[in-house]
N, C-alpha and C. Protein backbone atom coordinates (compact mmCIF):
# COMPACT_ATOMS: atom_id res chain seq x y z
N MET A 1 114.97 99.13 77.37
CA MET A 1 113.67 99.64 77.81
C MET A 1 113.82 101.08 78.30
N ILE A 2 112.73 101.78 78.27
CA ILE A 2 112.70 103.19 78.64
C ILE A 2 112.90 103.37 80.14
N GLU A 3 113.53 104.48 80.53
CA GLU A 3 113.67 104.80 81.95
C GLU A 3 112.33 105.30 82.46
N LEU A 4 111.95 104.83 83.65
CA LEU A 4 110.64 105.13 84.21
C LEU A 4 110.73 106.16 85.32
N ASN A 5 109.59 106.69 85.69
CA ASN A 5 109.47 107.60 86.82
C ASN A 5 109.21 106.79 88.09
N LEU A 6 110.10 105.85 88.33
CA LEU A 6 110.07 104.96 89.49
C LEU A 6 111.52 104.70 89.89
N PRO A 7 111.75 104.35 91.14
CA PRO A 7 113.14 104.04 91.53
C PRO A 7 113.69 102.87 90.73
N LYS A 8 114.97 102.93 90.46
CA LYS A 8 115.63 101.81 89.77
C LYS A 8 115.58 100.59 90.68
N CYS A 9 115.53 99.42 90.07
CA CYS A 9 115.52 98.18 90.83
C CYS A 9 116.33 97.15 90.08
N ARG A 10 116.75 96.15 90.80
CA ARG A 10 117.51 95.05 90.19
C ARG A 10 116.52 93.98 89.73
N LEU A 11 116.52 93.73 88.45
CA LEU A 11 115.65 92.71 87.89
C LEU A 11 116.50 91.56 87.36
N ARG A 12 116.00 90.36 87.52
CA ARG A 12 116.66 89.18 86.94
C ARG A 12 116.16 89.02 85.51
N LEU A 13 117.06 89.20 84.56
CA LEU A 13 116.71 89.13 83.15
C LEU A 13 117.41 87.95 82.50
N GLU A 14 116.78 87.38 81.49
CA GLU A 14 117.44 86.35 80.70
C GLU A 14 116.82 86.35 79.30
N GLN A 15 117.52 85.72 78.39
CA GLN A 15 117.07 85.58 77.00
C GLN A 15 116.61 84.14 76.78
N ARG A 16 115.50 84.00 76.09
CA ARG A 16 115.00 82.68 75.69
C ARG A 16 114.60 82.78 74.22
N GLU A 17 115.30 82.01 73.40
CA GLU A 17 115.04 82.02 71.96
C GLU A 17 115.06 83.44 71.41
N GLY A 18 116.03 84.23 71.91
CA GLY A 18 116.22 85.59 71.42
C GLY A 18 115.24 86.62 71.95
N LYS A 19 114.39 86.23 72.90
CA LYS A 19 113.41 87.15 73.47
C LYS A 19 113.73 87.39 74.95
N PRO A 20 113.52 88.64 75.43
CA PRO A 20 113.83 88.95 76.83
C PRO A 20 112.75 88.46 77.79
N TYR A 21 113.21 87.94 78.92
CA TYR A 21 112.32 87.50 80.00
C TYR A 21 112.81 88.13 81.30
N VAL A 22 111.86 88.32 82.22
CA VAL A 22 112.17 88.87 83.54
C VAL A 22 111.57 87.95 84.59
N TYR A 23 112.27 87.84 85.71
CA TYR A 23 111.77 87.00 86.80
C TYR A 23 110.76 87.80 87.60
N ASP A 24 109.55 87.27 87.73
CA ASP A 24 108.48 87.89 88.51
C ASP A 24 108.51 87.27 89.90
N GLU A 25 108.88 88.06 90.89
CA GLU A 25 108.98 87.58 92.27
C GLU A 25 107.63 87.11 92.82
N LEU A 26 106.54 87.72 92.38
CA LEU A 26 105.24 87.34 92.91
C LEU A 26 104.72 86.04 92.30
N ARG A 27 104.96 85.86 91.00
CA ARG A 27 104.52 84.62 90.34
C ARG A 27 105.57 83.52 90.45
N ARG A 28 106.77 83.89 90.89
CA ARG A 28 107.90 82.96 91.06
C ARG A 28 108.24 82.23 89.77
N LYS A 29 108.31 83.01 88.68
CA LYS A 29 108.70 82.43 87.40
C LYS A 29 109.14 83.54 86.45
N PHE A 30 109.85 83.15 85.40
CA PHE A 30 110.22 84.09 84.36
C PHE A 30 109.03 84.31 83.44
N VAL A 31 108.79 85.57 83.08
CA VAL A 31 107.71 85.93 82.17
C VAL A 31 108.29 86.81 81.06
N ARG A 32 107.62 86.86 79.95
CA ARG A 32 108.07 87.65 78.81
C ARG A 32 108.15 89.12 79.20
N LEU A 33 109.24 89.76 78.86
CA LEU A 33 109.46 91.16 79.20
C LEU A 33 108.90 92.05 78.09
N THR A 34 107.70 92.56 78.33
CA THR A 34 107.05 93.51 77.44
C THR A 34 107.16 94.89 78.08
N PRO A 35 106.84 95.96 77.36
CA PRO A 35 106.85 97.28 77.99
C PRO A 35 105.94 97.36 79.22
N GLU A 36 104.76 96.73 79.16
CA GLU A 36 103.86 96.73 80.32
C GLU A 36 104.47 95.95 81.49
N GLU A 37 105.12 94.83 81.18
CA GLU A 37 105.75 94.03 82.24
C GLU A 37 106.91 94.79 82.87
N TRP A 38 107.63 95.58 82.09
CA TRP A 38 108.70 96.44 82.60
C TRP A 38 108.15 97.39 83.67
N VAL A 39 106.99 97.98 83.38
CA VAL A 39 106.34 98.88 84.33
C VAL A 39 105.90 98.09 85.56
N ARG A 40 105.25 96.94 85.37
CA ARG A 40 104.77 96.14 86.50
C ARG A 40 105.91 95.78 87.44
N GLN A 41 107.02 95.28 86.89
CA GLN A 41 108.12 94.84 87.74
C GLN A 41 108.72 96.00 88.53
N HIS A 42 108.88 97.15 87.89
CA HIS A 42 109.40 98.31 88.60
C HIS A 42 108.42 98.78 89.69
N PHE A 43 107.13 98.77 89.37
CA PHE A 43 106.15 99.24 90.35
C PHE A 43 106.06 98.29 91.53
N VAL A 44 106.05 97.01 91.28
CA VAL A 44 106.00 96.04 92.38
C VAL A 44 107.23 96.17 93.27
N HIS A 45 108.40 96.34 92.67
CA HIS A 45 109.62 96.53 93.47
C HIS A 45 109.55 97.83 94.27
N TYR A 46 108.97 98.87 93.70
CA TYR A 46 108.78 100.13 94.42
C TYR A 46 107.90 99.90 95.65
N LEU A 47 106.79 99.20 95.47
CA LEU A 47 105.90 98.93 96.60
C LEU A 47 106.60 98.14 97.70
N ILE A 48 107.34 97.12 97.32
CA ILE A 48 107.97 96.24 98.30
C ILE A 48 109.23 96.88 98.89
N ASP A 49 110.14 97.33 98.03
CA ASP A 49 111.46 97.78 98.48
C ASP A 49 111.45 99.18 99.08
N VAL A 50 110.62 100.07 98.56
CA VAL A 50 110.63 101.46 99.01
C VAL A 50 109.51 101.73 100.02
N LEU A 51 108.31 101.28 99.72
CA LEU A 51 107.17 101.58 100.59
C LEU A 51 106.89 100.52 101.64
N GLY A 52 107.58 99.38 101.57
CA GLY A 52 107.42 98.36 102.60
C GLY A 52 106.14 97.54 102.51
N TYR A 53 105.55 97.47 101.34
CA TYR A 53 104.36 96.63 101.18
C TYR A 53 104.78 95.17 101.32
N PRO A 54 103.99 94.34 102.00
CA PRO A 54 104.37 92.94 102.21
C PRO A 54 104.18 92.09 100.94
N GLN A 55 105.28 91.56 100.46
CA GLN A 55 105.25 90.75 99.24
C GLN A 55 104.26 89.59 99.32
N PRO A 56 104.14 88.89 100.46
CA PRO A 56 103.19 87.76 100.50
C PRO A 56 101.73 88.17 100.33
N LEU A 57 101.43 89.47 100.47
CA LEU A 57 100.04 89.93 100.35
C LEU A 57 99.77 90.57 98.99
N MET A 58 100.65 90.30 98.04
CA MET A 58 100.47 90.83 96.68
C MET A 58 100.42 89.67 95.70
N GLN A 59 99.65 89.86 94.63
CA GLN A 59 99.51 88.81 93.63
C GLN A 59 99.41 89.46 92.25
N ASN A 60 100.12 88.90 91.27
CA ASN A 60 100.06 89.38 89.89
C ASN A 60 99.13 88.51 89.06
N GLU A 61 98.49 89.14 88.07
CA GLU A 61 97.64 88.44 87.11
C GLU A 61 96.52 87.66 87.80
N VAL A 62 95.66 88.39 88.49
CA VAL A 62 94.56 87.79 89.24
C VAL A 62 93.33 87.68 88.34
N ALA A 63 92.81 86.47 88.20
CA ALA A 63 91.64 86.23 87.35
C ALA A 63 90.37 86.73 88.02
N LEU A 64 89.51 87.37 87.20
CA LEU A 64 88.22 87.89 87.66
C LEU A 64 87.14 87.47 86.68
N ARG A 65 85.93 87.28 87.17
CA ARG A 65 84.77 87.06 86.30
C ARG A 65 83.97 88.34 86.27
N LEU A 66 83.79 88.90 85.08
CA LEU A 66 82.93 90.07 84.88
C LEU A 66 81.79 89.64 83.98
N GLY A 67 80.68 89.29 84.60
CA GLY A 67 79.56 88.76 83.82
C GLY A 67 79.97 87.45 83.17
N GLU A 68 79.92 87.42 81.85
CA GLU A 68 80.26 86.22 81.10
C GLU A 68 81.72 86.18 80.67
N THR A 69 82.49 87.21 81.00
CA THR A 69 83.87 87.28 80.52
C THR A 69 84.86 87.10 81.67
N SER A 70 86.02 86.56 81.33
CA SER A 70 87.11 86.43 82.28
C SER A 70 88.13 87.53 82.00
N LYS A 71 88.58 88.19 83.03
CA LYS A 71 89.58 89.26 82.92
C LYS A 71 90.68 88.97 83.92
N ARG A 72 91.76 89.74 83.82
CA ARG A 72 92.85 89.63 84.78
C ARG A 72 93.28 91.03 85.20
N CYS A 73 93.29 91.25 86.51
CA CYS A 73 93.85 92.53 86.95
C CYS A 73 95.36 92.32 87.15
N ASP A 74 96.12 93.36 86.87
CA ASP A 74 97.58 93.22 86.84
C ASP A 74 98.18 92.86 88.19
N THR A 75 97.82 93.60 89.22
CA THR A 75 98.30 93.29 90.58
C THR A 75 97.17 93.56 91.56
N LEU A 76 97.06 92.69 92.54
CA LEU A 76 96.07 92.87 93.59
C LEU A 76 96.81 92.81 94.92
N LEU A 77 96.49 93.75 95.79
CA LEU A 77 97.07 93.82 97.13
C LEU A 77 95.99 93.49 98.14
N TYR A 78 96.33 92.67 99.12
CA TYR A 78 95.40 92.25 100.16
C TYR A 78 95.80 92.84 101.50
N ASP A 79 94.82 92.91 102.42
CA ASP A 79 95.16 93.30 103.78
C ASP A 79 95.57 92.04 104.55
N LYS A 80 95.80 92.19 105.84
CA LYS A 80 96.34 91.08 106.63
C LYS A 80 95.36 89.93 106.85
N VAL A 81 94.07 90.17 106.59
CA VAL A 81 93.09 89.08 106.66
C VAL A 81 92.63 88.66 105.26
N LEU A 82 93.45 89.01 104.27
CA LEU A 82 93.30 88.60 102.87
C LEU A 82 92.06 89.15 102.18
N ARG A 83 91.64 90.36 102.58
CA ARG A 83 90.61 91.08 101.83
C ARG A 83 91.31 91.96 100.80
N PRO A 84 90.83 91.99 99.56
CA PRO A 84 91.44 92.86 98.56
C PRO A 84 91.38 94.32 98.99
N GLN A 85 92.51 95.02 98.88
CA GLN A 85 92.61 96.42 99.29
C GLN A 85 92.93 97.38 98.14
N MET A 86 93.64 96.87 97.13
CA MET A 86 94.10 97.76 96.07
C MET A 86 94.23 96.98 94.77
N ILE A 87 93.68 97.56 93.71
CA ILE A 87 93.89 97.03 92.37
C ILE A 87 94.90 97.94 91.68
N LEU A 88 95.92 97.34 91.09
CA LEU A 88 96.92 98.10 90.35
C LEU A 88 96.87 97.65 88.89
N GLU A 89 96.77 98.60 88.01
CA GLU A 89 96.71 98.33 86.57
C GLU A 89 97.84 99.08 85.89
N TYR A 90 98.58 98.38 85.05
CA TYR A 90 99.75 98.96 84.39
C TYR A 90 99.54 99.02 82.90
N LYS A 91 100.11 100.04 82.31
CA LYS A 91 100.12 100.20 80.87
C LYS A 91 101.55 100.44 80.44
N ALA A 92 101.82 100.22 79.18
CA ALA A 92 103.14 100.51 78.63
C ALA A 92 103.38 102.02 78.70
N PRO A 93 104.64 102.44 78.78
CA PRO A 93 104.93 103.88 78.91
C PRO A 93 104.33 104.76 77.82
N HIS A 94 104.14 104.23 76.63
CA HIS A 94 103.59 105.05 75.54
C HIS A 94 102.06 105.16 75.59
N VAL A 95 101.41 104.45 76.52
CA VAL A 95 99.95 104.47 76.63
C VAL A 95 99.56 105.51 77.68
N ALA A 96 98.78 106.49 77.25
CA ALA A 96 98.33 107.55 78.16
C ALA A 96 97.29 107.01 79.14
N LEU A 97 97.28 107.58 80.34
CA LEU A 97 96.31 107.19 81.36
C LEU A 97 95.04 108.02 81.15
N THR A 98 94.18 107.51 80.31
CA THR A 98 92.97 108.22 79.90
C THR A 98 91.76 107.74 80.69
N GLU A 99 90.63 108.38 80.43
CA GLU A 99 89.37 107.96 81.03
C GLU A 99 89.05 106.51 80.67
N THR A 100 89.36 106.10 79.45
CA THR A 100 89.12 104.72 79.02
C THR A 100 89.92 103.73 79.86
N VAL A 101 91.16 104.06 80.14
CA VAL A 101 92.01 103.22 80.98
C VAL A 101 91.45 103.17 82.40
N LEU A 102 91.01 104.31 82.91
CA LEU A 102 90.42 104.35 84.25
C LEU A 102 89.16 103.49 84.30
N GLN A 103 88.35 103.51 83.26
CA GLN A 103 87.13 102.71 83.25
C GLN A 103 87.42 101.21 83.31
N GLN A 104 88.55 100.79 82.76
CA GLN A 104 88.93 99.37 82.84
C GLN A 104 89.10 98.94 84.28
N ILE A 105 89.82 99.70 85.06
CA ILE A 105 90.06 99.34 86.46
C ILE A 105 88.78 99.50 87.29
N VAL A 106 87.94 100.46 86.94
CA VAL A 106 86.65 100.63 87.63
C VAL A 106 85.78 99.40 87.41
N ARG A 107 85.79 98.83 86.18
CA ARG A 107 85.02 97.61 85.93
C ARG A 107 85.52 96.46 86.81
N TYR A 108 86.83 96.33 86.96
CA TYR A 108 87.37 95.29 87.83
C TYR A 108 86.88 95.50 89.26
N ASN A 109 86.73 96.74 89.64
CA ASN A 109 86.34 97.04 91.01
C ASN A 109 84.87 96.75 91.29
N TYR A 110 84.06 96.58 90.25
CA TYR A 110 82.68 96.15 90.48
C TYR A 110 82.67 94.81 91.20
N VAL A 111 83.65 93.97 90.91
CA VAL A 111 83.75 92.65 91.51
C VAL A 111 84.43 92.71 92.88
N LEU A 112 85.50 93.49 92.99
CA LEU A 112 86.35 93.44 94.19
C LEU A 112 86.01 94.47 95.27
N ARG A 113 85.48 95.63 94.88
CA ARG A 113 85.13 96.71 95.83
C ARG A 113 86.28 97.05 96.78
N VAL A 114 87.41 97.41 96.21
CA VAL A 114 88.57 97.79 97.01
C VAL A 114 88.54 99.28 97.30
N PRO A 115 89.23 99.73 98.35
CA PRO A 115 89.28 101.17 98.63
C PRO A 115 90.30 101.95 97.80
N TYR A 116 91.23 101.27 97.12
CA TYR A 116 92.26 101.98 96.36
C TYR A 116 92.40 101.41 94.95
N LEU A 117 92.46 102.32 93.99
CA LEU A 117 92.73 101.98 92.59
C LEU A 117 93.99 102.72 92.16
N VAL A 118 94.88 102.01 91.47
CA VAL A 118 96.14 102.60 91.03
C VAL A 118 96.33 102.32 89.54
N LEU A 119 96.68 103.35 88.80
CA LEU A 119 97.04 103.23 87.39
C LEU A 119 98.45 103.76 87.22
N SER A 120 99.25 103.08 86.41
CA SER A 120 100.60 103.57 86.12
C SER A 120 101.03 103.12 84.73
N ASN A 121 101.68 104.03 84.03
CA ASN A 121 102.36 103.67 82.79
C ASN A 121 103.87 103.80 82.98
N GLY A 122 104.28 103.87 84.23
CA GLY A 122 105.69 103.99 84.57
C GLY A 122 106.19 105.42 84.56
N LEU A 123 105.49 106.29 83.88
CA LEU A 123 105.85 107.70 83.83
C LEU A 123 104.88 108.54 84.65
N ASP A 124 103.61 108.23 84.52
CA ASP A 124 102.56 108.88 85.30
C ASP A 124 101.87 107.84 86.16
N HIS A 125 101.44 108.27 87.33
CA HIS A 125 100.79 107.37 88.27
C HIS A 125 99.55 108.06 88.84
N LEU A 126 98.46 107.34 88.91
CA LEU A 126 97.23 107.85 89.52
C LEU A 126 96.85 106.92 90.66
N VAL A 127 96.55 107.51 91.81
CA VAL A 127 96.10 106.75 92.97
C VAL A 127 94.76 107.34 93.39
N CYS A 128 93.75 106.50 93.44
CA CYS A 128 92.41 106.93 93.76
C CYS A 128 91.92 106.22 95.01
N ARG A 129 91.41 106.99 95.95
CA ARG A 129 90.82 106.45 97.20
C ARG A 129 89.32 106.52 97.06
N ILE A 130 88.64 105.40 97.26
CA ILE A 130 87.19 105.35 97.14
C ILE A 130 86.56 105.29 98.52
N ASP A 131 85.58 106.15 98.75
CA ASP A 131 84.83 106.16 100.00
C ASP A 131 83.43 105.63 99.68
N TYR A 132 83.16 104.41 100.08
CA TYR A 132 81.89 103.78 99.75
C TYR A 132 80.74 104.33 100.60
N ASP A 133 81.05 104.90 101.76
CA ASP A 133 80.00 105.49 102.60
C ASP A 133 79.38 106.70 101.91
N THR A 134 80.21 107.55 101.32
CA THR A 134 79.72 108.76 100.66
C THR A 134 79.61 108.60 99.15
N MET A 135 80.03 107.41 98.65
CA MET A 135 80.03 107.13 97.21
C MET A 135 80.80 108.23 96.46
N SER A 136 82.01 108.51 96.97
CA SER A 136 82.86 109.51 96.35
C SER A 136 84.27 108.95 96.21
N TYR A 137 85.09 109.66 95.47
CA TYR A 137 86.47 109.25 95.30
C TYR A 137 87.37 110.48 95.31
N THR A 138 88.62 110.25 95.66
CA THR A 138 89.61 111.31 95.72
C THR A 138 90.90 110.81 95.09
N PHE A 139 91.51 111.63 94.24
CA PHE A 139 92.83 111.30 93.72
C PHE A 139 93.86 111.79 94.72
N LEU A 140 94.76 110.91 95.13
CA LEU A 140 95.76 111.23 96.14
C LEU A 140 97.01 111.82 95.47
N SER A 141 97.67 112.72 96.18
CA SER A 141 98.88 113.36 95.63
C SER A 141 100.12 112.51 95.86
N GLU A 142 100.04 111.56 96.79
CA GLU A 142 101.18 110.67 97.01
C GLU A 142 100.68 109.26 97.30
N PHE A 143 101.57 108.32 97.12
CA PHE A 143 101.21 106.93 97.30
C PHE A 143 101.14 106.62 98.79
N PRO A 144 100.08 105.95 99.26
CA PRO A 144 99.96 105.65 100.69
C PRO A 144 100.91 104.54 101.14
N SER A 145 101.35 104.62 102.37
CA SER A 145 102.12 103.52 102.94
C SER A 145 101.16 102.37 103.22
N TYR A 146 101.69 101.17 103.31
CA TYR A 146 100.83 100.02 103.56
C TYR A 146 100.10 100.16 104.89
N ASP A 147 100.80 100.65 105.91
CA ASP A 147 100.20 100.79 107.24
C ASP A 147 99.06 101.80 107.28
N SER A 148 99.03 102.73 106.32
CA SER A 148 97.96 103.74 106.32
C SER A 148 96.70 103.26 105.60
N LEU A 149 96.77 102.10 104.94
CA LEU A 149 95.59 101.58 104.26
C LEU A 149 94.57 101.11 105.29
N GLU A 150 93.32 101.27 104.98
CA GLU A 150 92.27 100.86 105.93
C GLU A 150 91.85 99.44 105.67
């Protein structure tokens, strides 16, 4: 797999029927190792190991209802009273973080109304802070610590 613009982490890898799998600490099971999953696992480890985000308050592959369709956001972070605080969406490293990709996470936020949206392809990362009082948003230059989240 490609080297990412994230700190290196130790991943539990195994082969099943000739295909690579990685252990997902949040789902507590081995999942197929795709380029997007490679990004997810590195980003989740970055949040937990480097930034100190609490693992018990994070969840991967969260189901959402958008009208008549079911979707899944890649990672959802909760605050200490279990209100959603951040949606994280990952793409494979070869997928550019375009307006179309941003619109996907914005649609998820119609349901969740979180203050932070994060996009990453492992090489580029976008962090957006939403202010619902002024109905505005700001792209942050650095990733917030868990304690600084509102």
